[in-house]
Each structure stands twice: as structure tokens, then as C-alpha cells.
């Protein structure tokens, strides 16, 4: 499995948990905080569409959580 597949799987798991009704603190605690691809704490930012969280990932990628769900930046 390559890095792209691993990131895609993490993205799918997080969005699935969100669809199941989990809030960000629960997703952070139960999935992201212990995942080996996550390299640091989430950071809150504000963009044109409003607030969002950035979660740093291995190899410089960033997962973004906003009102639409999780994406990779």
C-alpha cells in the first residue's frame, strides 16, 4: 500500500465517522491522535468560507476539516 492509499483510507475513515454523527473531538481522540500519519496537533484557521482545522500529516500533507468534512490539501 502506498502513501496515497494510506492517506485516502484515513480520509475515508474520518468522513465515515463524521457521517455516523461523530464530532471532531471524538474523531480526533479515537482516530487521528493515535494514527501514525498524523504528525502534530490540529491548528484552527479562518478562511473565506469560515473556520477550519488543519491536521499535519506525514510527508508534508495537511488534512483539513471544515463544515463540508475532511479533505486533503
PDB file of N, CA and C in Angstrom:
ATOM      1  N   UNK A   1       0.857  -1.179   0.000  1.00  0.00           N
ATOM      2  CA  UNK A   1       0.000   0.000   0.000  1.00  0.00           C
ATOM      3  C   UNK A   1       0.902   1.240   0.000  1.00  0.00           C
ATOM      4  N   UNK A   2       0.633   2.172  -0.897  1.00  0.00           N
ATOM      5  CA  UNK A   2       1.466   3.366  -0.970  1.00  0.00           C
ATOM      6  C   UNK A   2       0.897   4.493  -0.092  1.00  0.00           C
ATOM      7  N   UNK A   3       1.638   5.582   0.009  1.00  0.00           N
ATOM      8  CA  UNK A   3       1.261   6.698   0.880  1.00  0.00           C
ATOM      9  C   UNK A   3      -0.095   7.284   0.488  1.00  0.00           C
ATOM     10  N   UNK A   4      -0.344   7.397  -0.793  1.00  0.00           N
ATOM     11  CA  UNK A   4      -1.611   7.940  -1.266  1.00  0.00           C
ATOM     12  C   UNK A   4      -2.788   7.079  -0.799  1.00  0.00           C
ATOM     13  N   UNK A   5      -2.613   5.766  -0.848  1.00  0.00           N
ATOM     14  CA  UNK A   5      -3.659   4.847  -0.380  1.00  0.00           C
ATOM     15  C   UNK A   5      -3.886   4.990   1.120  1.00  0.00           C
ATOM     16  N   UNK A   6      -2.795   5.114   1.883  1.00  0.00           N
ATOM     17  CA  UNK A   6      -2.914   5.265   3.331  1.00  0.00           C
ATOM     18  C   UNK A   6      -3.654   6.547   3.702  1.00  0.00           C
ATOM     19  N   UNK A   7      -3.311   7.639   3.033  1.00  0.00           N
ATOM     20  CA  UNK A   7      -3.977   8.918   3.284  1.00  0.00           C
ATOM     21  C   UNK A   7      -5.439   8.826   2.872  1.00  0.00           C
ATOM     22  N   UNK A   8      -5.706   8.216   1.723  1.00  0.00           N
ATOM     23  CA  UNK A   8      -7.083   8.043   1.260  1.00  0.00           C
ATOM     24  C   UNK A   8      -7.911   7.222   2.228  1.00  0.00           C
ATOM     25  N   UNK A   9      -7.323   6.171   2.790  1.00  0.00           N
ATOM     26  CA  UNK A   9      -8.032   5.351   3.775  1.00  0.00           C
ATOM     27  C   UNK A   9      -8.345   6.142   5.035  1.00  0.00           C
ATOM     28  N   UNK A  10      -7.373   6.937   5.513  1.00  0.00           N
ATOM     29  CA  UNK A  10      -7.600   7.767   6.688  1.00  0.00           C
ATOM     30  C   UNK A  10      -8.713   8.776   6.428  1.00  0.00           C
ATOM     31  N   UNK A  11      -8.701   9.378   5.261  1.00  0.00           N
ATOM     32  CA  UNK A  11      -9.738  10.333   4.879  1.00  0.00           C
ATOM     33  C   UNK A  11     -11.115   9.663   4.866  1.00  0.00           C
ATOM     34  N   UNK A  12     -11.187   8.476   4.320  1.00  0.00           N
ATOM     35  CA  UNK A  12     -12.446   7.728   4.257  1.00  0.00           C
ATOM     36  C   UNK A  12     -12.961   7.376   5.659  1.00  0.00           C
ATOM     37  N   UNK A  13     -12.070   6.946   6.534  1.00  0.00           N
ATOM     38  CA  UNK A  13     -12.459   6.596   7.907  1.00  0.00           C
ATOM     39  C   UNK A  13     -12.995   7.831   8.637  1.00  0.00           C
ATOM     40  N   UNK A  14     -12.298   8.958   8.506  1.00  0.00           N
ATOM     41  CA  UNK A  14     -12.724  10.183   9.201  1.00  0.00           C
ATOM     42  C   UNK A  14     -14.062  10.694   8.672  1.00  0.00           C
ATOM     43  N   UNK A  15     -14.244  10.697   7.362  1.00  0.00           N
ATOM     44  CA  UNK A  15     -15.520  11.148   6.807  1.00  0.00           C
ATOM     45  C   UNK A  15     -16.643  10.179   7.153  1.00  0.00           C
ATOM     46  N   UNK A  16     -16.334   8.892   7.224  1.00  0.00           N
ATOM     47  CA  UNK A  16     -17.340   7.911   7.638  1.00  0.00           C
ATOM     48  C   UNK A  16     -17.775   8.128   9.076  1.00  0.00           C
ATOM     49  N   UNK A  17     -16.817   8.420   9.945  1.00  0.00           N
ATOM     50  CA  UNK A  17     -17.152   8.695  11.344  1.00  0.00           C
ATOM     51  C   UNK A  17     -18.002   9.961  11.446  1.00  0.00           C
ATOM     52  N   UNK A  18     -17.672  10.959  10.660  1.00  0.00           N
ATOM     53  CA  UNK A  18     -18.462  12.208  10.665  1.00  0.00           C
ATOM     54  C   UNK A  18     -19.895  11.942  10.206  1.00  0.00           C
ATOM     55  N   UNK A  19     -20.046  11.156   9.142  1.00  0.00           N
ATOM     56  CA  UNK A  19     -21.398  10.809   8.651  1.00  0.00           C
ATOM     57  C   UNK A  19     -22.170  10.017   9.698  1.00  0.00           C
ATOM     58  N   UNK A  20     -21.461   9.274  10.535  1.00  0.00           N
ATOM     59  CA  UNK A  20     -22.098   8.477  11.590  1.00  0.00           C
ATOM     60  C   UNK A  20     -22.465   9.336  12.805  1.00  0.00           C
ATOM     61  N   UNK A  21     -22.156  10.634  12.739  1.00  0.00           N
ATOM     62  CA  UNK A  21     -22.544  11.538  13.812  1.00  0.00           C
ATOM     63  C   UNK A  21     -21.457  11.902  14.807  1.00  0.00           C
ATOM     64  N   UNK A  22     -20.232  11.445  14.563  1.00  0.00           N
ATOM     65  CA  UNK A  22     -19.140  11.791  15.476  1.00  0.00           C
ATOM     66  C   UNK A  22     -18.760  13.253  15.281  1.00  0.00           C
ATOM     67  N   UNK A  23     -18.463  13.950  16.377  1.00  0.00           N
ATOM     68  CA  UNK A  23     -17.967  15.313  16.276  1.00  0.00           C
ATOM     69  C   UNK A  23     -16.437  15.295  16.182  1.00  0.00           C
ATOM     70  N   UNK A  24     -15.840  16.460  15.893  1.00  0.00           N
ATOM     71  CA  UNK A  24     -14.392  16.489  15.706  1.00  0.00           C
ATOM     72  C   UNK A  24     -13.624  16.022  16.937  1.00  0.00           C
ATOM     73  N   UNK A  25     -13.976  16.462  18.150  1.00  0.00           N
ATOM     74  CA  UNK A  25     -13.202  15.985  19.309  1.00  0.00           C
ATOM     75  C   UNK A  25     -13.151  14.456  19.423  1.00  0.00           C
ATOM     76  N   UNK A  26     -14.248  13.803  19.115  1.00  0.00           N
ATOM     77  CA  UNK A  26     -14.251  12.331  19.182  1.00  0.00           C
ATOM     78  C   UNK A  26     -13.388  11.732  18.070  1.00  0.00           C
ATOM     79  N   UNK A  27     -13.500  12.270  16.858  1.00  0.00           N
ATOM     80  CA  UNK A  27     -12.679  11.778  15.743  1.00  0.00           C
ATOM     81  C   UNK A  27     -11.205  12.003  16.058  1.00  0.00           C
ATOM     82  N   UNK A  28     -10.886  13.166  16.626  1.00  0.00           N
ATOM     83  CA  UNK A  28      -9.503  13.452  16.983  1.00  0.00           C
ATOM     84  C   UNK A  28      -8.990  12.431  18.000  1.00  0.00           C
ATOM     85  N   UNK A  29      -9.747  12.223  19.058  1.00  0.00           N
ATOM     86  CA  UNK A  29      -9.308  11.361  20.152  1.00  0.00           C
ATOM     87  C   UNK A  29      -9.229   9.892  19.742  1.00  0.00           C
ATOM     88  N   UNK A  30     -10.229   9.419  19.007  1.00  0.00           N
ATOM     89  CA  UNK A  30     -10.316   7.987  18.730  1.00  0.00           C
ATOM     90  C   UNK A  30      -9.658   7.542  17.423  1.00  0.00           C
ATOM     91  N   UNK A  31      -9.452   8.473  16.497  1.00  0.00           N
ATOM     92  CA  UNK A  31      -8.865   8.093  15.203  1.00  0.00           C
ATOM     93  C   UNK A  31      -7.556   8.832  14.930  1.00  0.00           C
ATOM     94  N   UNK A  32      -7.622  10.152  14.880  1.00  0.00           N
ATOM     95  CA  UNK A  32      -6.480  10.919  14.408  1.00  0.00           C
ATOM     96  C   UNK A  32      -5.309  10.986  15.376  1.00  0.00           C
ATOM     97  N   UNK A  33      -5.563  11.218  16.636  1.00  0.00           N
ATOM     98  CA  UNK A  33      -4.498  11.434  17.603  1.00  0.00           C
ATOM     99  C   UNK A  33      -3.526  10.258  17.669  1.00  0.00           C
ATOM    100  N   UNK A  34      -4.024   9.050  17.462  1.00  0.00           N
ATOM    101  CA  UNK A  34      -3.151   7.870  17.553  1.00  0.00           C
ATOM    102  C   UNK A  34      -2.720   7.320  16.197  1.00  0.00           C
ATOM    103  N   UNK A  35      -3.133   7.974  15.115  1.00  0.00           N
ATOM    104  CA  UNK A  35      -2.803   7.460  13.785  1.00  0.00           C
ATOM    105  C   UNK A  35      -1.349   7.810  13.420  1.00  0.00           C
ATOM    106  N   UNK A  36      -0.582   6.851  12.871  1.00  0.00           N
ATOM    107  CA  UNK A  36       0.825   7.105  12.565  1.00  0.00           C
ATOM    108  C   UNK A  36       1.074   8.158  11.478  1.00  0.00           C
ATOM    109  N   UNK A  37       0.089   8.468  10.644  1.00  0.00           N
ATOM    110  CA  UNK A  37       0.278   9.503   9.627  1.00  0.00           C
ATOM    111  C   UNK A  37       0.165  10.920  10.197  1.00  0.00           C
ATOM    112  N   UNK A  38      -0.477  11.069  11.342  1.00  0.00           N
ATOM    113  CA  UNK A  38      -0.680  12.392  11.944  1.00  0.00           C
ATOM    114  C   UNK A  38       0.584  12.776  12.699  1.00  0.00           C
ATOM    115  N   UNK A  39       1.139  13.955  12.351  1.00  0.00           N
ATOM    116  CA  UNK A  39       2.434  14.352  12.905  1.00  0.00           C
ATOM    117  C   UNK A  39       2.362  15.507  13.900  1.00  0.00           C
ATOM    118  N   UNK A  40       1.176  15.984  14.232  1.00  0.00           N
ATOM    119  CA  UNK A  40       1.077  17.089  15.179  1.00  0.00           C
ATOM    120  C   UNK A  40      -0.362  17.388  15.526  1.00  0.00           C
ATOM    121  N   UNK A  41      -0.546  18.388  16.367  1.00  0.00           N
ATOM    122  CA  UNK A  41      -1.886  18.792  16.791  1.00  0.00           C
ATOM    123  C   UNK A  41      -2.611  19.561  15.690  1.00  0.00           C
ATOM    124  N   UNK A  42      -3.938  19.559  15.762  1.00  0.00           N
ATOM    125  CA  UNK A  42      -4.724  20.334  14.814  1.00  0.00           C
ATOM    126  C   UNK A  42      -4.556  21.818  15.112  1.00  0.00           C
ATOM    127  N   UNK A  43      -4.641  22.628  14.056  1.00  0.00           N
ATOM    128  CA  UNK A  43      -4.494  24.074  14.176  1.00  0.00           C
ATOM    129  C   UNK A  43      -5.715  24.721  13.553  1.00  0.00           C
ATOM    130  N   UNK A  44      -6.362  25.633  14.293  1.00  0.00           N
ATOM    131  CA  UNK A  44      -7.540  26.311  13.760  1.00  0.00           C
ATOM    132  C   UNK A  44      -7.111  27.479  12.888  1.00  0.00           C
ATOM    133  N   UNK A  45      -7.757  27.606  11.754  1.00  0.00           N
ATOM    134  CA  UNK A  45      -7.512  28.696  10.800  1.00  0.00           C
ATOM    135  C   UNK A  45      -8.868  29.302  10.428  1.00  0.00           C
ATOM    136  N   UNK A  46      -8.815  30.453   9.793  1.00  0.00           N
ATOM    137  CA  UNK A  46     -10.043  31.076   9.277  1.00  0.00           C
ATOM    138  C   UNK A  46      -9.802  31.430   7.817  1.00  0.00           C
ATOM    139  N   UNK A  47     -10.703  30.960   6.961  1.00  0.00           N
ATOM    140  CA  UNK A  47     -10.609  31.230   5.529  1.00  0.00           C
ATOM    141  C   UNK A  47     -11.841  31.974   5.052  1.00  0.00           C
ATOM    142  N   UNK A  48     -11.972  32.126   3.760  1.00  0.00           N
ATOM    143  CA  UNK A  48     -13.117  32.828   3.167  1.00  0.00           C
ATOM    144  C   UNK A  48     -14.446  32.163   3.514  1.00  0.00           C
ATOM    145  N   UNK A  49     -14.429  30.837   3.640  1.00  0.00           N
ATOM    146  CA  UNK A  49     -15.663  30.092   3.934  1.00  0.00           C
ATOM    147  C   UNK A  49     -15.898  29.926   5.437  1.00  0.00           C
ATOM    148  N   UNK A  50     -15.013  30.481   6.259  1.00  0.00           N
ATOM    149  CA  UNK A  50     -15.173  30.361   7.703  1.00  0.00           C
ATOM    150  C   UNK A  50     -14.052  29.578   8.345  1.00  0.00           C
ATOM    151  N   UNK A  51     -14.234  29.180   9.602  1.00  0.00           N
ATOM    152  CA  UNK A  51     -13.172  28.476  10.319  1.00  0.00           C
ATOM    153  C   UNK A  51     -12.989  27.044   9.822  1.00  0.00           C
ATOM    154  N   UNK A  52     -11.767  26.573   9.944  1.00  0.00           N
ATOM    155  CA  UNK A  52     -11.454  25.183   9.611  1.00  0.00           C
ATOM    156  C   UNK A  52     -10.260  24.752  10.448  1.00  0.00           C
ATOM    157  N   UNK A  53     -10.031  23.450  10.497  1.00  0.00           N
ATOM    158  CA  UNK A  53      -8.895  22.892  11.225  1.00  0.00           C
ATOM    159  C   UNK A  53      -7.945  22.237  10.236  1.00  0.00           C
ATOM    160  N   UNK A  54      -6.653  22.413  10.473  1.00  0.00           N
ATOM    161  CA  UNK A  54      -5.630  21.733   9.687  1.00  0.00           C
ATOM    162  C   UNK A  54      -4.948  20.705  10.578  1.00  0.00           C
ATOM    163  N   UNK A  55      -4.801  19.498  10.070  1.00  0.00           N
ATOM    164  CA  UNK A  55      -4.132  18.420  10.782  1.00  0.00           C
ATOM    165  C   UNK A  55      -2.912  18.034   9.952  1.00  0.00           C
ATOM    166  N   UNK A  56      -1.696  18.240  10.491  1.00  0.00           N
ATOM    167  CA  UNK A  56      -0.496  17.915   9.715  1.00  0.00           C
ATOM    168  C   UNK A  56      -0.306  16.405   9.579  1.00  0.00           C
ATOM    169  N   UNK A  57       0.048  15.990   8.363  1.00  0.00           N
ATOM    170  CA  UNK A  57       0.283  14.583   8.078  1.00  0.00           C
ATOM    171  C   UNK A  57       1.726  14.365   7.641  1.00  0.00           C
ATOM    172  N   UNK A  58       2.147  13.131   7.724  1.00  0.00           N
ATOM    173  CA  UNK A  58       3.473  12.717   7.297  1.00  0.00           C
ATOM    174  C   UNK A  58       3.722  13.182   5.865  1.00  0.00           C
ATOM    175  N   UNK A  59       4.955  13.489   5.553  1.00  0.00           N
ATOM    176  CA  UNK A  59       5.380  13.906   4.203  1.00  0.00           C
ATOM    177  C   UNK A  59       4.818  15.258   3.798  1.00  0.00           C
ATOM    178  N   UNK A  60       4.452  16.098   4.771  1.00  0.00           N
ATOM    179  CA  UNK A  60       4.054  17.466   4.473  1.00  0.00           C
ATOM    180  C   UNK A  60       2.616  17.674   4.042  1.00  0.00           C
ATOM    181  N   UNK A  61       1.836  16.632   3.959  1.00  0.00           N
ATOM    182  CA  UNK A  61       0.440  16.803   3.588  1.00  0.00           C
ATOM    183  C   UNK A  61      -0.351  17.357   4.772  1.00  0.00           C
ATOM    184  N   UNK A  62      -1.506  17.941   4.470  1.00  0.00           N
ATOM    185  CA  UNK A  62      -2.365  18.502   5.511  1.00  0.00           C
ATOM    186  C   UNK A  62      -3.792  18.025   5.272  1.00  0.00           C
ATOM    187  N   UNK A  63      -4.405  17.486   6.324  1.00  0.00           N
ATOM    188  CA  UNK A  63      -5.820  17.148   6.274  1.00  0.00           C
ATOM    189  C   UNK A  63      -6.577  18.361   6.801  1.00  0.00           C
ATOM    190  N   UNK A  64      -7.650  18.721   6.122  1.00  0.00           N
ATOM    191  CA  UNK A  64      -8.456  19.881   6.507  1.00  0.00           C
ATOM    192  C   UNK A  64      -9.834  19.400   6.925  1.00  0.00           C
ATOM    193  N   UNK A  65     -10.322  19.918   8.042  1.00  0.00           N
ATOM    194  CA  UNK A  65     -11.682  19.642   8.497  1.00  0.00           C
ATOM    195  C   UNK A  65     -12.436  20.954   8.540  1.00  0.00           C
ATOM    196  N   UNK A  66     -13.557  21.002   7.805  1.00  0.00           N
ATOM    197  CA  UNK A  66     -14.422  22.183   7.808  1.00  0.00           C
ATOM    198  C   UNK A  66     -15.875  21.715   7.785  1.00  0.00           C
ATOM    199  N   UNK A  67     -16.774  22.621   7.519  1.00  0.00           N
ATOM    200  CA  UNK A  67     -18.203  22.298   7.540  1.00  0.00           C
ATOM    201  C   UNK A  67     -18.571  21.214   6.512  1.00  0.00           C
ATOM    202  N   UNK A  68     -17.771  21.046   5.471  1.00  0.00           N
ATOM    203  CA  UNK A  68     -18.057  20.051   4.433  1.00  0.00           C
ATOM    204  C   UNK A  68     -17.497  18.673   4.770  1.00  0.00           C
ATOM    205  N   UNK A  69     -16.587  18.592   5.739  1.00  0.00           N
ATOM    206  CA  UNK A  69     -15.974  17.319   6.098  1.00  0.00           C
ATOM    207  C   UNK A  69     -14.467  17.396   6.007  1.00  0.00           C
ATOM    208  N   UNK A  70     -13.843  16.249   5.796  1.00  0.00           N
ATOM    209  CA  UNK A  70     -12.389  16.143   5.727  1.00  0.00           C
ATOM    210  C   UNK A  70     -11.927  16.101   4.267  1.00  0.00           C
ATOM    211  N   UNK A  71     -10.862  16.831   3.970  1.00  0.00           N
ATOM    212  CA  UNK A  71     -10.230  16.814   2.656  1.00  0.00           C
ATOM    213  C   UNK A  71      -8.714  16.865   2.862  1.00  0.00           C
ATOM    214  N   UNK A  72      -7.971  16.632   1.785  1.00  0.00           N
ATOM    215  CA  UNK A  72      -6.513  16.754   1.821  1.00  0.00           C
ATOM    216  C   UNK A  72      -6.126  17.986   1.023  1.00  0.00           C
ATOM    217  N   UNK A  73      -5.218  18.750   1.608  1.00  0.00           N
ATOM    218  CA  UNK A  73      -4.765  19.994   0.981  1.00  0.00           C
ATOM    219  C   UNK A  73      -3.368  19.780   0.458  1.00  0.00           C
TER     220      UNK A  73
END
